[in-house]
Amino acid sequence: MSDPLRRVDAMVDANILPSPHVRQQLRVAAGLTQAEVADAIGVQRVAVARWEAGLTRPHRSNRLKYAHFLRRLAEKYPAAPQEVSDEG
Protein backbone atom coordinates (compact mmCIF):
# COMPACT_ATOMS: atom_id res chain seq x y z
CA MET A 1 0.00 0.00 0.00
CA SER A 2 1.38 3.41 -0.88
CA ASP A 3 2.18 5.98 1.80
CA PRO A 4 -0.68 8.36 0.89
CA LEU A 5 -3.20 5.52 1.19
CA ARG A 6 -1.78 4.54 4.57
CA ARG A 7 -2.17 8.12 5.78
CA VAL A 8 -5.79 8.19 4.61
CA ASP A 9 -6.49 4.85 6.29
CA ALA A 10 -4.98 6.13 9.52
CA MET A 11 -7.31 9.10 9.50
CA VAL A 12 -10.39 7.04 8.72
CA ASP A 13 -9.91 4.33 11.32
CA ALA A 14 -11.17 5.59 14.69
CA ASN A 15 -8.63 3.53 16.62
CA ILE A 16 -5.60 4.68 14.66
CA LEU A 17 -4.21 8.17 14.84
CA PRO A 18 -1.93 9.80 12.29
CA SER A 19 1.66 10.36 13.33
CA PRO A 20 2.32 12.98 16.00
CA HIS A 21 3.85 15.27 13.38
CA VAL A 22 0.71 15.12 11.22
CA ARG A 23 -1.47 15.79 14.27
CA GLN A 24 0.45 18.98 14.90
CA GLN A 25 0.34 20.00 11.23
CA LEU A 26 -3.43 19.62 11.10
CA ARG A 27 -3.86 21.71 14.24
CA VAL A 28 -1.55 24.43 12.95
CA ALA A 29 -3.26 24.45 9.53
CA ALA A 30 -6.53 25.13 11.31
CA GLY A 31 -4.93 27.96 13.29
CA LEU A 32 -5.73 26.28 16.59
CA THR A 33 -3.71 26.24 19.78
CA GLN A 34 -3.11 23.13 21.83
CA ALA A 35 -5.34 24.67 24.52
CA GLU A 36 -8.22 25.04 22.04
CA VAL A 37 -7.88 21.42 20.93
CA ALA A 38 -7.71 20.29 24.55
CA ASP A 39 -10.85 22.25 25.40
CA ALA A 40 -12.73 20.72 22.46
CA ILE A 41 -11.76 17.19 23.51
CA GLY A 42 -12.10 17.76 27.25
CA VAL A 43 -8.50 17.28 28.37
CA GLN A 44 -5.69 19.49 29.64
CA ARG A 45 -3.40 21.27 27.17
CA VAL A 46 -0.43 19.23 28.35
CA ALA A 47 -2.20 16.06 27.13
CA VAL A 48 -2.42 17.45 23.60
CA ALA A 49 1.22 18.55 23.79
CA ARG A 50 2.26 15.02 24.77
CA TRP A 51 0.11 13.46 22.04
CA GLU A 52 1.69 15.74 19.43
CA ALA A 53 5.16 14.95 20.76
CA GLY A 54 4.45 11.22 20.61
CA LEU A 55 5.17 10.84 24.33
CA THR A 56 1.74 9.43 25.19
CA ARG A 57 -1.37 8.15 23.46
CA PRO A 58 -4.89 9.19 24.35
CA HIS A 59 -7.06 6.71 26.25
CA ARG A 60 -9.82 5.06 24.23
CA SER A 61 -12.62 7.60 24.77
CA ASN A 62 -10.28 10.53 24.18
CA ARG A 63 -8.66 8.74 21.24
CA LEU A 64 -12.05 8.41 19.54
CA LYS A 65 -12.80 12.12 20.03
CA TYR A 66 -9.28 13.13 18.98
CA ALA A 67 -9.35 10.90 15.88
CA HIS A 68 -12.73 12.35 14.89
CA PHE A 69 -11.37 15.86 15.42
CA LEU A 70 -8.29 15.11 13.30
CA ARG A 71 -10.39 13.53 10.52
CA ARG A 72 -12.51 16.66 10.33
CA LEU A 73 -9.38 18.83 10.15
CA ALA A 74 -7.94 16.55 7.45
CA GLU A 75 -11.14 16.96 5.42
CA LYS A 76 -11.00 20.73 5.77
CA TYR A 77 -7.23 21.00 5.19
CA PRO A 78 -6.32 18.10 2.88
CA ALA A 79 -2.93 19.57 1.92
CA ALA A 80 -1.80 20.00 5.54
CA PRO A 81 -0.66 16.50 6.53
CA GLN A 82 2.84 15.69 5.39
CA GLU A 83 4.50 12.60 6.85
CA VAL A 84 8.18 13.00 7.60
CA SER A 85 10.51 10.15 6.76
CA ASP A 86 12.77 8.93 9.53
CA GLU A 87 15.42 8.14 6.92
CA GLY A 88 18.03 10.83 6.65
PDB file of N, CA and C in Angstrom:
ATOM      1  N   MET A   1       0.849  -1.167   0.000  1.00  0.00           N
ATOM      2  CA  MET A   1       0.000   0.000   0.000  1.00  0.00           C
ATOM      3  C   MET A   1       0.896   1.232   0.000  1.00  0.00           C
ATOM      4  N   SER A   2       0.544   2.219  -0.793  1.00  0.00           N
ATOM      5  CA  SER A   2       1.384   3.412  -0.879  1.00  0.00           C
ATOM      6  C   SER A   2       1.244   4.266   0.382  1.00  0.00           C
ATOM      7  N   ASP A   3       2.214   5.125   0.615  1.00  0.00           N
ATOM      8  CA  ASP A   3       2.184   5.980   1.803  1.00  0.00           C
ATOM      9  C   ASP A   3       0.946   6.863   1.871  1.00  0.00           C
ATOM     10  N   PRO A   4       0.524   7.530   0.788  1.00  0.00           N
ATOM     11  CA  PRO A   4      -0.682   8.357   0.889  1.00  0.00           C
ATOM     12  C   PRO A   4      -1.912   7.550   1.300  1.00  0.00           C
ATOM     13  N   LEU A   5      -2.048   6.345   0.813  1.00  0.00           N
ATOM     14  CA  LEU A   5      -3.196   5.524   1.189  1.00  0.00           C
ATOM     15  C   LEU A   5      -3.127   5.130   2.658  1.00  0.00           C
ATOM     16  N   ARG A   6      -1.945   4.868   3.159  1.00  0.00           N
ATOM     17  CA  ARG A   6      -1.779   4.537   4.567  1.00  0.00           C
ATOM     18  C   ARG A   6      -2.172   5.718   5.445  1.00  0.00           C
ATOM     19  N   ARG A   7      -1.809   6.931   5.014  1.00  0.00           N
ATOM     20  CA  ARG A   7      -2.170   8.125   5.782  1.00  0.00           C
ATOM     21  C   ARG A   7      -3.678   8.307   5.806  1.00  0.00           C
ATOM     22  N   VAL A   8      -4.328   8.068   4.668  1.00  0.00           N
ATOM     23  CA  VAL A   8      -5.786   8.186   4.609  1.00  0.00           C
ATOM     24  C   VAL A   8      -6.425   7.146   5.515  1.00  0.00           C
ATOM     25  N   ASP A   9      -5.955   5.903   5.436  1.00  0.00           N
ATOM     26  CA  ASP A   9      -6.494   4.845   6.293  1.00  0.00           C
ATOM     27  C   ASP A   9      -6.344   5.198   7.765  1.00  0.00           C
ATOM     28  N   ALA A  10      -5.224   5.779   8.126  1.00  0.00           N
ATOM     29  CA  ALA A  10      -4.982   6.135   9.523  1.00  0.00           C
ATOM     30  C   ALA A  10      -5.972   7.189  10.004  1.00  0.00           C
ATOM     31  N   MET A  11      -6.375   8.062   9.109  1.00  0.00           N
ATOM     32  CA  MET A  11      -7.306   9.105   9.499  1.00  0.00           C
ATOM     33  C   MET A  11      -8.752   8.628   9.487  1.00  0.00           C
ATOM     34  N   VAL A  12      -9.025   7.558   8.794  1.00  0.00           N
ATOM     35  CA  VAL A  12     -10.391   7.041   8.721  1.00  0.00           C
ATOM     36  C   VAL A  12     -10.689   6.088   9.863  1.00  0.00           C
ATOM     37  N   ASP A  13      -9.721   5.310  10.248  1.00  0.00           N
ATOM     38  CA  ASP A  13      -9.914   4.332  11.318  1.00  0.00           C
ATOM     39  C   ASP A  13      -9.920   5.039  12.674  1.00  0.00           C
ATOM     40  N   ALA A  14     -11.007   4.885  13.416  1.00  0.00           N
ATOM     41  CA  ALA A  14     -11.170   5.592  14.687  1.00  0.00           C
ATOM     42  C   ALA A  14     -10.164   5.166  15.740  1.00  0.00           C
ATOM     43  N   ASN A  15      -9.576   4.003  15.616  1.00  0.00           N
ATOM     44  CA  ASN A  15      -8.628   3.528  16.616  1.00  0.00           C
ATOM     45  C   ASN A  15      -7.186   3.859  16.271  1.00  0.00           C
ATOM     46  N   ILE A  16      -6.962   4.372  15.091  1.00  0.00           N
ATOM     47  CA  ILE A  16      -5.602   4.678  14.657  1.00  0.00           C
ATOM     48  C   ILE A  16      -5.482   6.180  14.438  1.00  0.00           C
ATOM     49  N   LEU A  17      -4.460   6.751  15.016  1.00  0.00           N
ATOM     50  CA  LEU A  17      -4.205   8.172  14.844  1.00  0.00           C
ATOM     51  C   LEU A  17      -3.076   8.374  13.850  1.00  0.00           C
ATOM     52  N   PRO A  18      -3.084   9.494  13.133  1.00  0.00           N
ATOM     53  CA  PRO A  18      -1.931   9.797  12.288  1.00  0.00           C
ATOM     54  C   PRO A  18      -0.704  10.046  13.174  1.00  0.00           C
ATOM     55  N   SER A  19       0.436  10.145  12.559  1.00  0.00           N
ATOM     56  CA  SER A  19       1.662  10.356  13.329  1.00  0.00           C
ATOM     57  C   SER A  19       1.571  11.655  14.127  1.00  0.00           C
ATOM     58  N   PRO A  20       2.333  11.747  15.209  1.00  0.00           N
ATOM     59  CA  PRO A  20       2.318  12.981  16.001  1.00  0.00           C
ATOM     60  C   PRO A  20       2.607  14.235  15.160  1.00  0.00           C
ATOM     61  N   HIS A  21       3.515  14.124  14.219  1.00  0.00           N
ATOM     62  CA  HIS A  21       3.852  15.270  13.379  1.00  0.00           C
ATOM     63  C   HIS A  21       2.643  15.726  12.567  1.00  0.00           C
ATOM     64  N   VAL A  22       1.901  14.789  12.007  1.00  0.00           N
ATOM     65  CA  VAL A  22       0.714  15.121  11.216  1.00  0.00           C
ATOM     66  C   VAL A  22      -0.363  15.721  12.112  1.00  0.00           C
ATOM     67  N   ARG A  23      -0.496  15.223  13.323  1.00  0.00           N
ATOM     68  CA  ARG A  23      -1.469  15.786  14.270  1.00  0.00           C
ATOM     69  C   ARG A  23      -1.203  17.271  14.472  1.00  0.00           C
ATOM     70  N   GLN A  24       0.072  17.587  14.680  1.00  0.00           N
ATOM     71  CA  GLN A  24       0.453  18.982  14.895  1.00  0.00           C
ATOM     72  C   GLN A  24       0.195  19.805  13.633  1.00  0.00           C
ATOM     73  N   GLN A  25       0.543  19.266  12.478  1.00  0.00           N
ATOM     74  CA  GLN A  25       0.343  19.997  11.226  1.00  0.00           C
ATOM     75  C   GLN A  25      -1.133  20.311  10.991  1.00  0.00           C
ATOM     76  N   LEU A  26      -2.001  19.384  11.276  1.00  0.00           N
ATOM     77  CA  LEU A  26      -3.432  19.619  11.104  1.00  0.00           C
ATOM     78  C   LEU A  26      -3.918  20.722  12.046  1.00  0.00           C
ATOM     79  N   ARG A  27      -3.464  20.670  13.280  1.00  0.00           N
ATOM     80  CA  ARG A  27      -3.857  21.707  14.238  1.00  0.00           C
ATOM     81  C   ARG A  27      -3.373  23.075  13.794  1.00  0.00           C
ATOM     82  N   VAL A  28      -2.122  23.161  13.381  1.00  0.00           N
ATOM     83  CA  VAL A  28      -1.547  24.429  12.950  1.00  0.00           C
ATOM     84  C   VAL A  28      -2.254  24.940  11.690  1.00  0.00           C
ATOM     85  N   ALA A  29      -2.553  24.044  10.755  1.00  0.00           N
ATOM     86  CA  ALA A  29      -3.255  24.446   9.528  1.00  0.00           C
ATOM     87  C   ALA A  29      -4.607  25.070   9.849  1.00  0.00           C
ATOM     88  N   ALA A  30      -5.233  24.599  10.911  1.00  0.00           N
ATOM     89  CA  ALA A  30      -6.532  25.132  11.311  1.00  0.00           C
ATOM     90  C   ALA A  30      -6.392  26.405  12.149  1.00  0.00           C
ATOM     91  N   GLY A  31      -5.157  26.770  12.489  1.00  0.00           N
ATOM     92  CA  GLY A  31      -4.928  27.965  13.286  1.00  0.00           C
ATOM     93  C   GLY A  31      -5.364  27.805  14.736  1.00  0.00           C
ATOM     94  N   LEU A  32      -5.300  26.577  15.233  1.00  0.00           N
ATOM     95  CA  LEU A  32      -5.732  26.281  16.595  1.00  0.00           C
ATOM     96  C   LEU A  32      -4.540  26.112  17.528  1.00  0.00           C
ATOM     97  N   THR A  33      -4.740  26.472  18.770  1.00  0.00           N
ATOM     98  CA  THR A  33      -3.713  26.242  19.784  1.00  0.00           C
ATOM     99  C   THR A  33      -3.951  24.871  20.410  1.00  0.00           C
ATOM    100  N   GLN A  34      -2.945  24.387  21.107  1.00  0.00           N
ATOM    101  CA  GLN A  34      -3.114  23.127  21.833  1.00  0.00           C
ATOM    102  C   GLN A  34      -4.208  23.270  22.885  1.00  0.00           C
ATOM    103  N   ALA A  35      -4.314  24.435  23.497  1.00  0.00           N
ATOM    104  CA  ALA A  35      -5.343  24.667  24.518  1.00  0.00           C
ATOM    105  C   ALA A  35      -6.744  24.584  23.903  1.00  0.00           C
ATOM    106  N   GLU A  36      -6.912  25.100  22.698  1.00  0.00           N
ATOM    107  CA  GLU A  36      -8.223  25.041  22.037  1.00  0.00           C
ATOM    108  C   GLU A  36      -8.603  23.604  21.701  1.00  0.00           C
ATOM    109  N   VAL A  37      -7.632  22.833  21.232  1.00  0.00           N
ATOM    110  CA  VAL A  37      -7.880  21.420  20.935  1.00  0.00           C
ATOM    111  C   VAL A  37      -8.225  20.680  22.227  1.00  0.00           C
ATOM    112  N   ALA A  38      -7.467  20.943  23.263  1.00  0.00           N
ATOM    113  CA  ALA A  38      -7.707  20.291  24.550  1.00  0.00           C
ATOM    114  C   ALA A  38      -9.107  20.607  25.058  1.00  0.00           C
ATOM    115  N   ASP A  39      -9.516  21.848  24.942  1.00  0.00           N
ATOM    116  CA  ASP A  39     -10.845  22.250  25.397  1.00  0.00           C
ATOM    117  C   ASP A  39     -11.933  21.529  24.604  1.00  0.00           C
ATOM    118  N   ALA A  40     -11.742  21.397  23.300  1.00  0.00           N
ATOM    119  CA  ALA A  40     -12.726  20.717  22.458  1.00  0.00           C
ATOM    120  C   ALA A  40     -12.857  19.244  22.818  1.00  0.00           C
ATOM    121  N   ILE A  41     -11.756  18.617  23.204  1.00  0.00           N
ATOM    122  CA  ILE A  41     -11.758  17.186  23.513  1.00  0.00           C
ATOM    123  C   ILE A  41     -12.098  16.933  24.987  1.00  0.00           C
ATOM    124  N   GLY A  42     -11.811  17.918  25.823  1.00  0.00           N
ATOM    125  CA  GLY A  42     -12.103  17.764  27.246  1.00  0.00           C
ATOM    126  C   GLY A  42     -10.927  17.254  28.051  1.00  0.00           C
ATOM    127  N   VAL A  43      -9.715  17.670  27.654  1.00  0.00           N
ATOM    128  CA  VAL A  43      -8.503  17.280  28.370  1.00  0.00           C
ATOM    129  C   VAL A  43      -7.687  18.533  28.664  1.00  0.00           C
ATOM    130  N   GLN A  44      -6.586  18.371  29.381  1.00  0.00           N
ATOM    131  CA  GLN A  44      -5.694  19.490  29.645  1.00  0.00           C
ATOM    132  C   GLN A  44      -4.770  19.704  28.454  1.00  0.00           C
ATOM    133  N   ARG A  45      -4.278  20.942  28.293  1.00  0.00           N
ATOM    134  CA  ARG A  45      -3.402  21.272  27.172  1.00  0.00           C
ATOM    135  C   ARG A  45      -2.166  20.382  27.140  1.00  0.00           C
ATOM    136  N   VAL A  46      -1.629  20.055  28.301  1.00  0.00           N
ATOM    137  CA  VAL A  46      -0.425  19.231  28.351  1.00  0.00           C
ATOM    138  C   VAL A  46      -0.668  17.861  27.704  1.00  0.00           C
ATOM    139  N   ALA A  47      -1.894  17.342  27.771  1.00  0.00           N
ATOM    140  CA  ALA A  47      -2.201  16.060  27.130  1.00  0.00           C
ATOM    141  C   ALA A  47      -2.033  16.175  25.621  1.00  0.00           C
ATOM    142  N   VAL A  48      -2.551  17.245  25.046  1.00  0.00           N
ATOM    143  CA  VAL A  48      -2.418  17.446  23.598  1.00  0.00           C
ATOM    144  C   VAL A  48      -0.952  17.624  23.230  1.00  0.00           C
ATOM    145  N   ALA A  49      -0.213  18.360  24.045  1.00  0.00           N
ATOM    146  CA  ALA A  49       1.219  18.553  23.787  1.00  0.00           C
ATOM    147  C   ALA A  49       1.940  17.211  23.782  1.00  0.00           C
ATOM    148  N   ARG A  50       1.614  16.341  24.714  1.00  0.00           N
ATOM    149  CA  ARG A  50       2.265  15.023  24.774  1.00  0.00           C
ATOM    150  C   ARG A  50       1.839  14.135  23.609  1.00  0.00           C
ATOM    151  N   TRP A  51       0.561  14.235  23.194  1.00  0.00           N
ATOM    152  CA  TRP A  51       0.110  13.455  22.038  1.00  0.00           C
ATOM    153  C   TRP A  51       0.844  13.895  20.781  1.00  0.00           C
ATOM    154  N   GLU A  52       1.000  15.212  20.620  1.00  0.00           N
ATOM    155  CA  GLU A  52       1.689  15.739  19.434  1.00  0.00           C
ATOM    156  C   GLU A  52       3.183  15.428  19.465  1.00  0.00           C
ATOM    157  N   ALA A  53       3.739  15.286  20.639  1.00  0.00           N
ATOM    158  CA  ALA A  53       5.161  14.953  20.758  1.00  0.00           C
ATOM    159  C   ALA A  53       5.405  13.447  20.665  1.00  0.00           C
ATOM    160  N   GLY A  54       4.313  12.668  20.670  1.00  0.00           N
ATOM    161  CA  GLY A  54       4.449  11.216  20.607  1.00  0.00           C
ATOM    162  C   GLY A  54       4.879  10.605  21.931  1.00  0.00           C
ATOM    163  N   LEU A  55       4.758  11.351  23.021  1.00  0.00           N
ATOM    164  CA  LEU A  55       5.167  10.844  24.330  1.00  0.00           C
ATOM    165  C   LEU A  55       4.114   9.945  24.955  1.00  0.00           C
ATOM    166  N   THR A  56       2.847  10.241  24.678  1.00  0.00           N
ATOM    167  CA  THR A  56       1.742   9.432  25.192  1.00  0.00           C
ATOM    168  C   THR A  56       0.692   9.284  24.109  1.00  0.00           C
ATOM    169  N   ARG A  57      -0.228   8.347  24.358  1.00  0.00           N
ATOM    170  CA  ARG A  57      -1.372   8.154  23.458  1.00  0.00           C
ATOM    171  C   ARG A  57      -2.642   8.406  24.261  1.00  0.00           C
ATOM    172  N   PRO A  58      -3.642   8.976  23.618  1.00  0.00           N
ATOM    173  CA  PRO A  58      -4.889   9.195  24.347  1.00  0.00           C
ATOM    174  C   PRO A  58      -5.565   7.877  24.720  1.00  0.00           C
ATOM    175  N   HIS A  59      -6.258   7.874  25.868  1.00  0.00           N
ATOM    176  CA  HIS A  59      -7.056   6.712  26.249  1.00  0.00           C
ATOM    177  C   HIS A  59      -8.198   6.558  25.260  1.00  0.00           C
ATOM    178  N   ARG A  60      -8.816   5.401  25.241  1.00  0.00           N
ATOM    179  CA  ARG A  60      -9.822   5.059  24.226  1.00  0.00           C
ATOM    180  C   ARG A  60     -10.876   6.139  23.980  1.00  0.00           C
ATOM    181  N   SER A  61     -11.554   6.619  25.006  1.00  0.00           N
ATOM    182  CA  SER A  61     -12.621   7.603  24.773  1.00  0.00           C
ATOM    183  C   SER A  61     -12.055   8.903  24.214  1.00  0.00           C
ATOM    184  N   ASN A  62     -10.911   9.334  24.727  1.00  0.00           N
ATOM    185  CA  ASN A  62     -10.282  10.534  24.179  1.00  0.00           C
ATOM    186  C   ASN A  62      -9.713  10.286  22.796  1.00  0.00           C
ATOM    187  N   ARG A  63      -9.207   9.073  22.562  1.00  0.00           N
ATOM    188  CA  ARG A  63      -8.663   8.742  21.243  1.00  0.00           C
ATOM    189  C   ARG A  63      -9.745   8.828  20.183  1.00  0.00           C
ATOM    190  N   LEU A  64     -10.945   8.344  20.501  1.00  0.00           N
ATOM    191  CA  LEU A  64     -12.047   8.410  19.543  1.00  0.00           C
ATOM    192  C   LEU A  64     -12.417   9.856  19.226  1.00  0.00           C
ATOM    193  N   LYS A  65     -12.485  10.700  20.247  1.00  0.00           N
ATOM    194  CA  LYS A  65     -12.800  12.116  20.033  1.00  0.00           C
ATOM    195  C   LYS A  65     -11.678  12.804  19.258  1.00  0.00           C
ATOM    196  N   TYR A  66     -10.438  12.502  19.633  1.00  0.00           N
ATOM    197  CA  TYR A  66      -9.282  13.126  18.983  1.00  0.00           C
ATOM    198  C   TYR A  66      -9.184  12.676  17.523  1.00  0.00           C
ATOM    199  N   ALA A  67      -9.392  11.407  17.265  1.00  0.00           N
ATOM    200  CA  ALA A  67      -9.350  10.900  15.884  1.00  0.00           C
ATOM    201  C   ALA A  67     -10.443  11.547  15.047  1.00  0.00           C
ATOM    202  N   HIS A  68     -11.640  11.690  15.614  1.00  0.00           N
ATOM    203  CA  HIS A  68     -12.730  12.348  14.894  1.00  0.00           C
ATOM    204  C   HIS A  68     -12.353  13.797  14.587  1.00  0.00           C
ATOM    205  N   PHE A  69     -11.813  14.471  15.577  1.00  0.00           N
ATOM    206  CA  PHE A  69     -11.373  15.856  15.415  1.00  0.00           C
ATOM    207  C   PHE A  69     -10.331  15.969  14.299  1.00  0.00           C
ATOM    208  N   LEU A  70      -9.345  15.081  14.311  1.00  0.00           N
ATOM    209  CA  LEU A  70      -8.291  15.109  13.297  1.00  0.00           C
ATOM    210  C   LEU A  70      -8.833  14.789  11.906  1.00  0.00           C
ATOM    211  N   ARG A  71      -9.780  13.840  11.825  1.00  0.00           N
ATOM    212  CA  ARG A  71     -10.386  13.530  10.520  1.00  0.00           C
ATOM    213  C   ARG A  71     -11.091  14.749   9.948  1.00  0.00           C
ATOM    214  N   ARG A  72     -11.807  15.460  10.797  1.00  0.00           N
ATOM    215  CA  ARG A  72     -12.508  16.662  10.330  1.00  0.00           C
ATOM    216  C   ARG A  72     -11.518  17.712   9.850  1.00  0.00           C
ATOM    217  N   LEU A  73     -10.418  17.883  10.585  1.00  0.00           N
ATOM    218  CA  LEU A  73      -9.385  18.826  10.150  1.00  0.00           C
ATOM    219  C   LEU A  73      -8.766  18.377   8.829  1.00  0.00           C
ATOM    220  N   ALA A  74      -8.536  17.080   8.681  1.00  0.00           N
ATOM    221  CA  ALA A  74      -7.943  16.554   7.448  1.00  0.00           C
ATOM    222  C   ALA A  74      -8.871  16.779   6.254  1.00  0.00           C
ATOM    223  N   GLU A  75     -10.180  16.679   6.487  1.00  0.00           N
ATOM    224  CA  GLU A  75     -11.142  16.956   5.416  1.00  0.00           C
ATOM    225  C   GLU A  75     -11.108  18.429   5.023  1.00  0.00           C
ATOM    226  N   LYS A  76     -10.980  19.289   6.010  1.00  0.00           N
ATOM    227  CA  LYS A  76     -10.997  20.730   5.768  1.00  0.00           C
ATOM    228  C   LYS A  76      -9.664  21.236   5.211  1.00  0.00           C
ATOM    229  N   TYR A  77      -8.580  20.595   5.603  1.00  0.00           N
ATOM    230  CA  TYR A  77      -7.228  21.005   5.194  1.00  0.00           C
ATOM    231  C   TYR A  77      -6.478  19.814   4.598  1.00  0.00           C
ATOM    232  N   PRO A  78      -6.908  19.326   3.430  1.00  0.00           N
ATOM    233  CA  PRO A  78      -6.316  18.104   2.880  1.00  0.00           C
ATOM    234  C   PRO A  78      -4.830  18.214   2.519  1.00  0.00           C
ATOM    235  N   ALA A  79      -4.345  19.415   2.275  1.00  0.00           N
ATOM    236  CA  ALA A  79      -2.925  19.568   1.921  1.00  0.00           C
ATOM    237  C   ALA A  79      -2.025  19.671   3.146  1.00  0.00           C
ATOM    238  N   ALA A  80      -2.594  19.776   4.329  1.00  0.00           N
ATOM    239  CA  ALA A  80      -1.796  19.997   5.536  1.00  0.00           C
ATOM    240  C   ALA A  80      -0.940  18.813   5.940  1.00  0.00           C
ATOM    241  N   PRO A  81      -1.486  17.595   5.994  1.00  0.00           N
ATOM    242  CA  PRO A  81      -0.658  16.496   6.530  1.00  0.00           C
ATOM    243  C   PRO A  81       0.472  16.095   5.593  1.00  0.00           C
ATOM    244  N   GLN A  82       1.660  16.122   6.126  1.00  0.00           N
ATOM    245  CA  GLN A  82       2.841  15.686   5.393  1.00  0.00           C
ATOM    246  C   GLN A  82       3.663  14.804   6.314  1.00  0.00           C
ATOM    247  N   GLU A  83       3.683  13.511   6.042  1.00  0.00           N
ATOM    248  CA  GLU A  83       4.496  12.605   6.848  1.00  0.00           C
ATOM    249  C   GLU A  83       5.967  12.933   6.636  1.00  0.00           C
ATOM    250  N   VAL A  84       6.750  12.771   7.675  1.00  0.00           N
ATOM    251  CA  VAL A  84       8.180  12.999   7.597  1.00  0.00           C
ATOM    252  C   VAL A  84       8.882  11.671   7.694  1.00  0.00           C
ATOM    253  N   SER A  85       9.768  11.417   6.765  1.00  0.00           N
ATOM    254  CA  SER A  85      10.513  10.150   6.758  1.00  0.00           C
ATOM    255  C   SER A  85      11.554  10.176   7.854  1.00  0.00           C
ATOM    256  N   ASP A  86      11.750   9.036   8.517  1.00  0.00           N
ATOM    257  CA  ASP A  86      12.774   8.925   9.528  1.00  0.00           C
ATOM    258  C   ASP A  86      14.139   8.679   8.899  1.00  0.00           C
ATOM    259  N   GLU A  87      14.151   8.390   7.604  1.00  0.00           N
ATOM    260  CA  GLU A  87      15.421   8.136   6.917  1.00  0.00           C
ATOM    261  C   GLU A  87      16.085   9.469   6.624  1.00  0.00           C
ATOM    262  N   GLY A  88      17.378   9.549   6.833  1.00  0.00           N
ATOM    263  CA  GLY A  88      18.029  10.827   6.649  1.00  0.00           C
ATOM    264  C   GLY A  88      19.188  10.773   5.844  1.00  0.00           C
TER     265      GLY A  88
END
